[in-house]
Structure formats: structure tokens, C-alpha cells
Amino acid sequence: MALLKLARVPGCRTASQYAYRAAAILERLVGEHLTRGMLLDGCYDAGKGLAVRHELVWGDFFLALGLAALTGLAGIEDV
């Protein structure tokens, strides 16, 4: 989401690179970590071994928002 937002900063010389990288990250998440509608393999605290390879609510949120932004279903200007 941060890359998608940075790509929309007026006058940003690297906007296309930010947008490309954001789309690539979302594509990889969907292709390799989405199973039956669940974004899996998230990690809450790797150092403590807590919630390793789980579905995490913020991962679901940012994936959904990122996909909605890419497809034009949601504006991210106010988020």
C-alpha cells in the first residue's frame, strides 16, 4: 500500500517503478500465499516464534485494499 501511495505523489520521478513493484508484490502474495481466499504464511513475531505462518487480519486488509486500488474499486487517497 505504501508503494501504491508513493506512486501517486505528484511529480514523483520513480512513480512507475513504485507502481510496478507494488503490483509485483500483490501478484506474488495472491499467487503463492492465497489459499481458498485466505492470505496465509503471515508472521506476527518471528523472534518469539509467535503466530508463524498464519492468516493475519492486517495482511488480509492490506491485500484487499491493494487489489481494490489496482482495479479501481477503491481510492487510497484518504486511507
PDB file of N, CA and C in Angstrom:
ATOM      1  N   MET A   1       0.824  -1.184   0.000  1.00  0.00           N
ATOM      2  CA  MET A   1       0.000   0.000   0.000  1.00  0.00           C
ATOM      3  C   MET A   1       0.866   1.244   0.000  1.00  0.00           C
ATOM      4  N   ALA A   2       1.950   1.219   0.734  1.00  0.00           N
ATOM      5  CA  ALA A   2       2.823   2.386   0.766  1.00  0.00           C
ATOM      6  C   ALA A   2       3.382   2.684  -0.615  1.00  0.00           C
ATOM      7  N   LEU A   3       3.761   1.652  -1.350  1.00  0.00           N
ATOM      8  CA  LEU A   3       4.274   1.864  -2.704  1.00  0.00           C
ATOM      9  C   LEU A   3       3.196   2.423  -3.625  1.00  0.00           C
ATOM     10  N   LEU A   4       1.981   1.932  -3.483  1.00  0.00           N
ATOM     11  CA  LEU A   4       0.882   2.458  -4.310  1.00  0.00           C
ATOM     12  C   LEU A   4       0.628   3.927  -3.996  1.00  0.00           C
ATOM     13  N   LYS A   5       0.713   4.272  -2.728  1.00  0.00           N
ATOM     14  CA  LYS A   5       0.518   5.674  -2.352  1.00  0.00           C
ATOM     15  C   LYS A   5       1.672   6.543  -2.836  1.00  0.00           C
ATOM     16  N   LEU A   6       2.894   6.060  -2.715  1.00  0.00           N
ATOM     17  CA  LEU A   6       4.043   6.820  -3.200  1.00  0.00           C
ATOM     18  C   LEU A   6       3.978   7.036  -4.706  1.00  0.00           C
ATOM     19  N   ALA A   7       3.450   6.061  -5.420  1.00  0.00           N
ATOM     20  CA  ALA A   7       3.341   6.169  -6.875  1.00  0.00           C
ATOM     21  C   ALA A   7       2.391   7.286  -7.301  1.00  0.00           C
ATOM     22  N   ARG A   8       1.557   7.743  -6.392  1.00  0.00           N
ATOM     23  CA  ARG A   8       0.584   8.793  -6.717  1.00  0.00           C
ATOM     24  C   ARG A   8       1.008  10.185  -6.247  1.00  0.00           C
ATOM     25  N   VAL A   9       2.195  10.295  -5.709  1.00  0.00           N
ATOM     26  CA  VAL A   9       2.693  11.602  -5.278  1.00  0.00           C
ATOM     27  C   VAL A   9       2.982  12.435  -6.530  1.00  0.00           C
ATOM     28  N   PRO A  10       2.395  13.623  -6.622  1.00  0.00           N
ATOM     29  CA  PRO A  10       2.628  14.461  -7.801  1.00  0.00           C
ATOM     30  C   PRO A  10       4.119  14.770  -7.998  1.00  0.00           C
ATOM     31  N   GLY A  11       4.584  14.611  -9.216  1.00  0.00           N
ATOM     32  CA  GLY A  11       5.971  14.917  -9.547  1.00  0.00           C
ATOM     33  C   GLY A  11       6.975  13.849  -9.172  1.00  0.00           C
ATOM     34  N   CYS A  12       6.530  12.720  -8.679  1.00  0.00           N
ATOM     35  CA  CYS A  12       7.437  11.647  -8.280  1.00  0.00           C
ATOM     36  C   CYS A  12       8.090  11.052  -9.530  1.00  0.00           C
ATOM     37  N   ARG A  13       9.413  11.105  -9.588  1.00  0.00           N
ATOM     38  CA  ARG A  13      10.136  10.604 -10.761  1.00  0.00           C
ATOM     39  C   ARG A  13      10.171   9.089 -10.828  1.00  0.00           C
ATOM     40  N   THR A  14       9.964   8.419  -9.719  1.00  0.00           N
ATOM     41  CA  THR A  14      10.017   6.960  -9.703  1.00  0.00           C
ATOM     42  C   THR A  14       8.632   6.346  -9.522  1.00  0.00           C
ATOM     43  N   ALA A  15       7.594   7.096  -9.829  1.00  0.00           N
ATOM     44  CA  ALA A  15       6.220   6.626  -9.627  1.00  0.00           C
ATOM     45  C   ALA A  15       5.952   5.327 -10.363  1.00  0.00           C
ATOM     46  N   SER A  16       6.401   5.212 -11.590  1.00  0.00           N
ATOM     47  CA  SER A  16       6.125   3.990 -12.356  1.00  0.00           C
ATOM     48  C   SER A  16       6.836   2.791 -11.740  1.00  0.00           C
ATOM     49  N   GLN A  17       8.024   2.999 -11.183  1.00  0.00           N
ATOM     50  CA  GLN A  17       8.738   1.907 -10.521  1.00  0.00           C
ATOM     51  C   GLN A  17       8.019   1.475  -9.252  1.00  0.00           C
ATOM     52  N   TYR A  18       7.516   2.446  -8.502  1.00  0.00           N
ATOM     53  CA  TYR A  18       6.755   2.123  -7.293  1.00  0.00           C
ATOM     54  C   TYR A  18       5.495   1.336  -7.638  1.00  0.00           C
ATOM     55  N   ALA A  19       4.777   1.782  -8.646  1.00  0.00           N
ATOM     56  CA  ALA A  19       3.537   1.110  -9.040  1.00  0.00           C
ATOM     57  C   ALA A  19       3.828  -0.301  -9.540  1.00  0.00           C
ATOM     58  N   TYR A  20       4.882  -0.457 -10.313  1.00  0.00           N
ATOM     59  CA  TYR A  20       5.256  -1.782 -10.829  1.00  0.00           C
ATOM     60  C   TYR A  20       5.601  -2.725  -9.685  1.00  0.00           C
ATOM     61  N   ARG A  21       6.396  -2.239  -8.745  1.00  0.00           N
ATOM     62  CA  ARG A  21       6.813  -3.089  -7.618  1.00  0.00           C
ATOM     63  C   ARG A  21       5.622  -3.457  -6.734  1.00  0.00           C
ATOM     64  N   ALA A  22       4.728  -2.519  -6.513  1.00  0.00           N
ATOM     65  CA  ALA A  22       3.529  -2.807  -5.716  1.00  0.00           C
ATOM     66  C   ALA A  22       2.698  -3.893  -6.374  1.00  0.00           C
ATOM     67  N   ALA A  23       2.505  -3.784  -7.677  1.00  0.00           N
ATOM     68  CA  ALA A  23       1.729  -4.796  -8.405  1.00  0.00           C
ATOM     69  C   ALA A  23       2.425  -6.153  -8.353  1.00  0.00           C
ATOM     70  N   ALA A  24       3.756  -6.158  -8.443  1.00  0.00           N
ATOM     71  CA  ALA A  24       4.502  -7.410  -8.381  1.00  0.00           C
ATOM     72  C   ALA A  24       4.363  -8.079  -7.017  1.00  0.00           C
ATOM     73  N   ILE A  25       4.401  -7.287  -5.957  1.00  0.00           N
ATOM     74  CA  ILE A  25       4.241  -7.831  -4.602  1.00  0.00           C
ATOM     75  C   ILE A  25       2.847  -8.425  -4.435  1.00  0.00           C
ATOM     76  N   LEU A  26       1.830  -7.692  -4.870  1.00  0.00           N
ATOM     77  CA  LEU A  26       0.455  -8.196  -4.754  1.00  0.00           C
ATOM     78  C   LEU A  26       0.273  -9.466  -5.579  1.00  0.00           C
ATOM     79  N   GLU A  27       0.870  -9.500  -6.768  1.00  0.00           N
ATOM     80  CA  GLU A  27       0.775 -10.699  -7.609  1.00  0.00           C
ATOM     81  C   GLU A  27       1.413 -11.903  -6.917  1.00  0.00           C
ATOM     82  N   ARG A  28       2.549 -11.695  -6.294  1.00  0.00           N
ATOM     83  CA  ARG A  28       3.214 -12.804  -5.596  1.00  0.00           C
ATOM     84  C   ARG A  28       2.403 -13.274  -4.394  1.00  0.00           C
ATOM     85  N   LEU A  29       1.851 -12.330  -3.634  1.00  0.00           N
ATOM     86  CA  LEU A  29       1.017 -12.723  -2.492  1.00  0.00           C
ATOM     87  C   LEU A  29      -0.164 -13.566  -2.940  1.00  0.00           C
ATOM     88  N   VAL A  30      -0.834 -13.131  -3.991  1.00  0.00           N
ATOM     89  CA  VAL A  30      -2.003 -13.864  -4.491  1.00  0.00           C
ATOM     90  C   VAL A  30      -1.582 -15.214  -5.067  1.00  0.00           C
ATOM     91  N   GLY A  31      -0.492 -15.230  -5.823  1.00  0.00           N
ATOM     92  CA  GLY A  31      -0.060 -16.457  -6.485  1.00  0.00           C
ATOM     93  C   GLY A  31       0.530 -17.505  -5.569  1.00  0.00           C
ATOM     94  N   GLU A  32       1.203 -17.067  -4.512  1.00  0.00           N
ATOM     95  CA  GLU A  32       1.928 -18.026  -3.678  1.00  0.00           C
ATOM     96  C   GLU A  32       1.441 -18.150  -2.238  1.00  0.00           C
ATOM     97  N   HIS A  33       0.613 -17.225  -1.783  1.00  0.00           N
ATOM     98  CA  HIS A  33       0.234 -17.248  -0.367  1.00  0.00           C
ATOM     99  C   HIS A  33      -1.274 -17.194  -0.134  1.00  0.00           C
ATOM    100  N   LEU A  34      -2.055 -17.143  -1.191  1.00  0.00           N
ATOM    101  CA  LEU A  34      -3.510 -17.086  -1.051  1.00  0.00           C
ATOM    102  C   LEU A  34      -4.081 -18.488  -1.269  1.00  0.00           C
ATOM    103  N   THR A  35      -4.784 -18.984  -0.278  1.00  0.00           N
ATOM    104  CA  THR A  35      -5.378 -20.313  -0.349  1.00  0.00           C
ATOM    105  C   THR A  35      -6.832 -20.238   0.094  1.00  0.00           C
ATOM    106  N   ARG A  36      -7.727 -20.617  -0.798  1.00  0.00           N
ATOM    107  CA  ARG A  36      -9.168 -20.597  -0.509  1.00  0.00           C
ATOM    108  C   ARG A  36      -9.605 -19.255   0.090  1.00  0.00           C
ATOM    109  N   GLY A  37      -9.088 -18.176  -0.463  1.00  0.00           N
ATOM    110  CA  GLY A  37      -9.467 -16.840  -0.011  1.00  0.00           C
ATOM    111  C   GLY A  37      -8.764 -16.357   1.233  1.00  0.00           C
ATOM    112  N   MET A  38      -7.808 -17.129   1.740  1.00  0.00           N
ATOM    113  CA  MET A  38      -7.076 -16.739   2.949  1.00  0.00           C
ATOM    114  C   MET A  38      -5.629 -16.425   2.591  1.00  0.00           C
ATOM    115  N   LEU A  39      -5.135 -15.284   3.037  1.00  0.00           N
ATOM    116  CA  LEU A  39      -3.733 -14.943   2.868  1.00  0.00           C
ATOM    117  C   LEU A  39      -2.967 -15.597   4.013  1.00  0.00           C
ATOM    118  N   LEU A  40      -2.221 -16.635   3.686  1.00  0.00           N
ATOM    119  CA  LEU A  40      -1.535 -17.413   4.712  1.00  0.00           C
ATOM    120  C   LEU A  40      -0.052 -17.070   4.750  1.00  0.00           C
ATOM    121  N   ASP A  41       0.651 -17.654   5.671  1.00  0.00           N
ATOM    122  CA  ASP A  41       2.095 -17.534   5.835  1.00  0.00           C
ATOM    123  C   ASP A  41       2.526 -16.210   6.455  1.00  0.00           C
ATOM    124  N   GLY A  42       1.608 -15.483   7.064  1.00  0.00           N
ATOM    125  CA  GLY A  42       1.972 -14.264   7.777  1.00  0.00           C
ATOM    126  C   GLY A  42       2.652 -14.617   9.086  1.00  0.00           C
ATOM    127  N   CYS A  43       3.399 -13.677   9.627  1.00  0.00           N
ATOM    128  CA  CYS A  43       4.110 -13.923  10.877  1.00  0.00           C
ATOM    129  C   CYS A  43       3.939 -12.726  11.799  1.00  0.00           C
ATOM    130  N   TYR A  44       3.428 -12.972  12.978  1.00  0.00           N
ATOM    131  CA  TYR A  44       3.208 -11.900  13.952  1.00  0.00           C
ATOM    132  C   TYR A  44       4.514 -11.494  14.633  1.00  0.00           C
ATOM    133  N   ASP A  45       5.278 -12.463  15.118  1.00  0.00           N
ATOM    134  CA  ASP A  45       6.534 -12.161  15.813  1.00  0.00           C
ATOM    135  C   ASP A  45       7.511 -13.309  15.587  1.00  0.00           C
ATOM    136  N   ALA A  46       8.352 -13.167  14.561  1.00  0.00           N
ATOM    137  CA  ALA A  46       9.295 -14.228  14.211  1.00  0.00           C
ATOM    138  C   ALA A  46      10.297 -14.486  15.320  1.00  0.00           C
ATOM    139  N   GLY A  47      10.753 -13.423  15.980  1.00  0.00           N
ATOM    140  CA  GLY A  47      11.738 -13.568  17.046  1.00  0.00           C
ATOM    141  C   GLY A  47      11.265 -14.447  18.184  1.00  0.00           C
ATOM    142  N   LYS A  48       9.985 -14.350  18.492  1.00  0.00           N
ATOM    143  CA  LYS A  48       9.410 -15.154  19.571  1.00  0.00           C
ATOM    144  C   LYS A  48       8.758 -16.430  19.045  1.00  0.00           C
ATOM    145  N   GLY A  49       8.724 -16.588  17.721  1.00  0.00           N
ATOM    146  CA  GLY A  49       8.079 -17.767  17.143  1.00  0.00           C
ATOM    147  C   GLY A  49       6.570 -17.734  17.340  1.00  0.00           C
ATOM    148  N   LEU A  50       6.013 -16.542  17.438  1.00  0.00           N
ATOM    149  CA  LEU A  50       4.596 -16.367  17.724  1.00  0.00           C
ATOM    150  C   LEU A  50       3.809 -16.144  16.434  1.00  0.00           C
ATOM    151  N   ALA A  51       2.806 -16.973  16.219  1.00  0.00           N
ATOM    152  CA  ALA A  51       1.925 -16.872  15.048  1.00  0.00           C
ATOM    153  C   ALA A  51       2.732 -16.874  13.755  1.00  0.00           C
ATOM    154  N   VAL A  52       3.546 -17.889  13.609  1.00  0.00           N
ATOM    155  CA  VAL A  52       4.349 -18.057  12.401  1.00  0.00           C
ATOM    156  C   VAL A  52       3.530 -18.840  11.381  1.00  0.00           C
ATOM    157  N   ARG A  53       3.481 -18.326  10.135  1.00  0.00           N
ATOM    158  CA  ARG A  53       2.749 -18.943   9.019  1.00  0.00           C
ATOM    159  C   ARG A  53       1.247 -19.015   9.305  1.00  0.00           C
ATOM    160  N   HIS A  54       0.677 -17.882   9.654  1.00  0.00           N
ATOM    161  CA  HIS A  54      -0.746 -17.785   9.962  1.00  0.00           C
ATOM    162  C   HIS A  54      -1.426 -16.779   9.053  1.00  0.00           C
ATOM    163  N   GLU A  55      -2.742 -16.767   9.106  1.00  0.00           N
ATOM    164  CA  GLU A  55      -3.529 -15.714   8.474  1.00  0.00           C
ATOM    165  C   GLU A  55      -3.629 -14.577   9.487  1.00  0.00           C
ATOM    166  N   LEU A  56      -3.268 -13.375   9.069  1.00  0.00           N
ATOM    167  CA  LEU A  56      -3.290 -12.219   9.959  1.00  0.00           C
ATOM    168  C   LEU A  56      -4.248 -11.180   9.402  1.00  0.00           C
ATOM    169  N   VAL A  57      -5.038 -10.574  10.257  1.00  0.00           N
ATOM    170  CA  VAL A  57      -6.086  -9.663   9.816  1.00  0.00           C
ATOM    171  C   VAL A  57      -5.527  -8.485   9.038  1.00  0.00           C
ATOM    172  N   TRP A  58      -4.379  -7.940   9.448  1.00  0.00           N
ATOM    173  CA  TRP A  58      -3.847  -6.788   8.719  1.00  0.00           C
ATOM    174  C   TRP A  58      -3.309  -7.196   7.349  1.00  0.00           C
ATOM    175  N   GLY A  59      -2.849  -8.425   7.217  1.00  0.00           N
ATOM    176  CA  GLY A  59      -2.431  -8.912   5.900  1.00  0.00           C
ATOM    177  C   GLY A  59      -3.623  -8.987   4.954  1.00  0.00           C
ATOM    178  N   ASP A  60      -4.727  -9.527   5.453  1.00  0.00           N
ATOM    179  CA  ASP A  60      -5.955  -9.593   4.654  1.00  0.00           C
ATOM    180  C   ASP A  60      -6.421  -8.201   4.256  1.00  0.00           C
ATOM    181  N   PHE A  61      -6.389  -7.286   5.208  1.00  0.00           N
ATOM    182  CA  PHE A  61      -6.844  -5.923   4.950  1.00  0.00           C
ATOM    183  C   PHE A  61      -6.017  -5.251   3.861  1.00  0.00           C
ATOM    184  N   PHE A  62      -4.688  -5.276   4.007  1.00  0.00           N
ATOM    185  CA  PHE A  62      -3.840  -4.585   3.049  1.00  0.00           C
ATOM    186  C   PHE A  62      -3.838  -5.268   1.686  1.00  0.00           C
ATOM    187  N   LEU A  63      -3.967  -6.574   1.648  1.00  0.00           N
ATOM    188  CA  LEU A  63      -4.087  -7.264   0.364  1.00  0.00           C
ATOM    189  C   LEU A  63      -5.372  -6.849  -0.334  1.00  0.00           C
ATOM    190  N   ALA A  64      -6.485  -6.873   0.383  1.00  0.00           N
ATOM    191  CA  ALA A  64      -7.770  -6.488  -0.206  1.00  0.00           C
ATOM    192  C   ALA A  64      -7.752  -5.035  -0.670  1.00  0.00           C
ATOM    193  N   LEU A  65      -7.210  -4.150   0.148  1.00  0.00           N
ATOM    194  CA  LEU A  65      -7.160  -2.742  -0.227  1.00  0.00           C
ATOM    195  C   LEU A  65      -6.239  -2.523  -1.425  1.00  0.00           C
ATOM    196  N   GLY A  66      -5.110  -3.193  -1.444  1.00  0.00           N
ATOM    197  CA  GLY A  66      -4.183  -3.073  -2.566  1.00  0.00           C
ATOM    198  C   GLY A  66      -4.801  -3.555  -3.869  1.00  0.00           C
ATOM    199  N   LEU A  67      -5.473  -4.692  -3.828  1.00  0.00           N
ATOM    200  CA  LEU A  67      -6.136  -5.209  -5.028  1.00  0.00           C
ATOM    201  C   LEU A  67      -7.265  -4.290  -5.470  1.00  0.00           C
ATOM    202  N   ALA A  68      -8.011  -3.776  -4.509  1.00  0.00           N
ATOM    203  CA  ALA A  68      -9.104  -2.855  -4.848  1.00  0.00           C
ATOM    204  C   ALA A  68      -8.549  -1.556  -5.453  1.00  0.00           C
ATOM    205  N   ALA A  69      -7.422  -1.097  -4.957  1.00  0.00           N
ATOM    206  CA  ALA A  69      -6.804   0.112  -5.512  1.00  0.00           C
ATOM    207  C   ALA A  69      -6.315  -0.128  -6.930  1.00  0.00           C
ATOM    208  N   LEU A  70      -5.693  -1.273  -7.161  1.00  0.00           N
ATOM    209  CA  LEU A  70      -5.183  -1.590  -8.507  1.00  0.00           C
ATOM    210  C   LEU A  70      -6.297  -1.719  -9.532  1.00  0.00           C
ATOM    211  N   THR A  71      -7.432  -2.226  -9.106  1.00  0.00           N
ATOM    212  CA  THR A  71      -8.540  -2.443 -10.033  1.00  0.00           C
ATOM    213  C   THR A  71      -9.474  -1.262 -10.106  1.00  0.00           C
ATOM    214  N   GLY A  72      -9.226  -0.231  -9.315  1.00  0.00           N
ATOM    215  CA  GLY A  72     -10.058   0.957  -9.348  1.00  0.00           C
ATOM    216  C   GLY A  72     -11.321   0.866  -8.526  1.00  0.00           C
ATOM    217  N   LEU A  73     -11.430  -0.161  -7.705  1.00  0.00           N
ATOM    218  CA  LEU A  73     -12.623  -0.327  -6.860  1.00  0.00           C
ATOM    219  C   LEU A  73     -12.565   0.493  -5.589  1.00  0.00           C
ATOM    220  N   ALA A  74     -11.379   0.953  -5.208  1.00  0.00           N
ATOM    221  CA  ALA A  74     -11.239   1.771  -4.004  1.00  0.00           C
ATOM    222  C   ALA A  74     -10.186   2.833  -4.238  1.00  0.00           C
ATOM    223  N   GLY A  75     -10.460   4.018  -3.740  1.00  0.00           N
ATOM    224  CA  GLY A  75      -9.476   5.076  -3.786  1.00  0.00           C
ATOM    225  C   GLY A  75      -8.635   5.013  -2.531  1.00  0.00           C
ATOM    226  N   ILE A  76      -7.356   5.244  -2.656  1.00  0.00           N
ATOM    227  CA  ILE A  76      -6.485   5.157  -1.479  1.00  0.00           C
ATOM    228  C   ILE A  76      -6.001   6.524  -1.031  1.00  0.00           C
ATOM    229  N   GLU A  77      -6.549   7.548  -1.597  1.00  0.00           N
ATOM    230  CA  GLU A  77      -6.101   8.898  -1.273  1.00  0.00           C
ATOM    231  C   GLU A  77      -6.370   9.268   0.182  1.00  0.00           C
ATOM    232  N   ASP A  78      -7.424   8.760   0.756  1.00  0.00           N
ATOM    233  CA  ASP A  78      -7.819   9.136   2.108  1.00  0.00           C
ATOM    234  C   ASP A  78      -7.498   8.065   3.140  1.00  0.00           C
ATOM    235  N   VAL A  79      -6.869   7.000   2.741  1.00  0.00           N
ATOM    236  CA  VAL A  79      -6.596   5.903   3.666  1.00  0.00           C
ATOM    237  C   VAL A  79      -5.208   6.047   4.227  1.00  0.00           C
TER     238      VAL A  79
END
